[in-house]
C-alpha atoms as a PDB file:
ATOM      1  CA  UNK A   1      13.285  12.221 -10.689  1.00  0.00           C
ATOM      2  CA  UNK A   2      11.544  13.284  -7.513  1.00  0.00           C
ATOM      3  CA  UNK A   3      13.097  13.091  -4.066  1.00  0.00           C
ATOM      4  CA  UNK A   4      10.584  10.412  -3.097  1.00  0.00           C
ATOM      5  CA  UNK A   5      11.460   8.246  -6.091  1.00  0.00           C
ATOM      6  CA  UNK A   6      15.177   8.621  -5.462  1.00  0.00           C
ATOM      7  CA  UNK A   7      14.731   7.843  -1.774  1.00  0.00           C
ATOM      8  CA  UNK A   8      12.752   4.721  -2.559  1.00  0.00           C
ATOM      9  CA  UNK A   9      15.327   3.499  -5.078  1.00  0.00           C
ATOM     10  CA  UNK A  10      18.188   4.262  -2.688  1.00  0.00           C
ATOM     11  CA  UNK A  11      16.316   2.384   0.021  1.00  0.00           C
ATOM     12  CA  UNK A  12      16.318  -0.705  -2.180  1.00  0.00           C
ATOM     13  CA  UNK A  13      20.128  -0.783  -2.142  1.00  0.00           C
ATOM     14  CA  UNK A  14      20.424  -3.386   0.674  1.00  0.00           C
ATOM     15  CA  UNK A  15      18.048  -5.729  -1.138  1.00  0.00           C
ATOM     16  CA  UNK A  16      19.904  -5.304  -4.426  1.00  0.00           C
ATOM     17  CA  UNK A  17      23.203  -6.003  -2.678  1.00  0.00           C
ATOM     18  CA  UNK A  18      21.763  -9.103  -1.059  1.00  0.00           C
ATOM     19  CA  UNK A  19      20.452 -10.380  -4.401  1.00  0.00           C
ATOM     20  CA  UNK A  20      23.735  -9.569  -6.147  1.00  0.00           C
ATOM     21  CA  UNK A  21      25.650 -11.587  -3.567  1.00  0.00           C
ATOM     22  CA  UNK A  22      23.210 -14.448  -3.976  1.00  0.00           C
ATOM     23  CA  UNK A  23      23.388 -14.477  -7.778  1.00  0.00           C
ATOM     24  CA  UNK A  24      26.975 -13.441  -8.498  1.00  0.00           C
ATOM     25  CA  UNK A  25      28.939 -15.225  -5.784  1.00  0.00           C
ATOM     26  CA  UNK A  26      26.392 -17.760  -4.512  1.00  0.00           C
ATOM     27  CA  UNK A  27      26.476 -16.245  -1.029  1.00  0.00           C
ATOM     28  CA  UNK A  28      23.448 -17.440   0.889  1.00  0.00           C
ATOM     29  CA  UNK A  29      22.219 -14.830   3.371  1.00  0.00           C
ATOM     30  CA  UNK A  30      21.202 -15.891   6.849  1.00  0.00           C
ATOM     31  CA  UNK A  31      17.656 -15.327   8.006  1.00  0.00           C
ATOM     32  CA  UNK A  32      18.862 -12.423  10.147  1.00  0.00           C
ATOM     33  CA  UNK A  33      20.605 -10.760   7.195  1.00  0.00           C
ATOM     34  CA  UNK A  34      17.553 -11.129   4.962  1.00  0.00           C
ATOM     35  CA  UNK A  35      15.279  -9.771   7.696  1.00  0.00           C
ATOM     36  CA  UNK A  36      17.630  -6.836   8.254  1.00  0.00           C
ATOM     37  CA  UNK A  37      17.625  -5.940   4.572  1.00  0.00           C
ATOM     38  CA  UNK A  38      13.833  -6.186   4.467  1.00  0.00           C
ATOM     39  CA  UNK A  39      13.487  -3.924   7.503  1.00  0.00           C
ATOM     40  CA  UNK A  40      15.821  -1.291   6.037  1.00  0.00           C
ATOM     41  CA  UNK A  41      13.898  -1.291   2.756  1.00  0.00           C
ATOM     42  CA  UNK A  42      10.539  -1.096   4.548  1.00  0.00           C
ATOM     43  CA  UNK A  43      11.733   1.751   6.768  1.00  0.00           C
ATOM     44  CA  UNK A  44      13.013   3.778   3.824  1.00  0.00           C
ATOM     45  CA  UNK A  45       9.835   3.267   1.806  1.00  0.00           C
ATOM     46  CA  UNK A  46       7.763   4.221   4.843  1.00  0.00           C
ATOM     47  CA  UNK A  47       9.843   7.363   5.369  1.00  0.00           C
ATOM     48  CA  UNK A  48       9.486   8.351   1.709  1.00  0.00           C
ATOM     49  CA  UNK A  49       5.715   7.885   1.836  1.00  0.00           C
ATOM     50  CA  UNK A  50       5.470   9.906   5.047  1.00  0.00           C
ATOM     51  CA  UNK A  51       7.546  12.694   3.503  1.00  0.00           C
ATOM     52  CA  UNK A  52       5.190  12.793   0.513  1.00  0.00           C
ATOM     53  CA  UNK A  53       2.135  13.065   2.769  1.00  0.00           C
ATOM     54  CA  UNK A  54       3.724  15.836   4.842  1.00  0.00           C
ATOM     55  CA  UNK A  55       4.526  17.818   1.707  1.00  0.00           C
ATOM     56  CA  UNK A  56       0.919  17.578   0.518  1.00  0.00           C
ATOM     57  CA  UNK A  57      -0.473  18.797   3.841  1.00  0.00           C
ATOM     58  CA  UNK A  58       1.636  21.952   3.871  1.00  0.00           C
END
């Protein structure tokens, strides 16, 4: 598994936790919580993609 793949999967952790809470214990996230999870996932995916591009340039 590459570092980029691992980073992307690790970045999905907040979304997985949010979905697990929703499914397993019927915890409904607020709009702010859902937006926060989405922003963390987007930031991590963006960072992983940037890292991949930087490695190709060098």
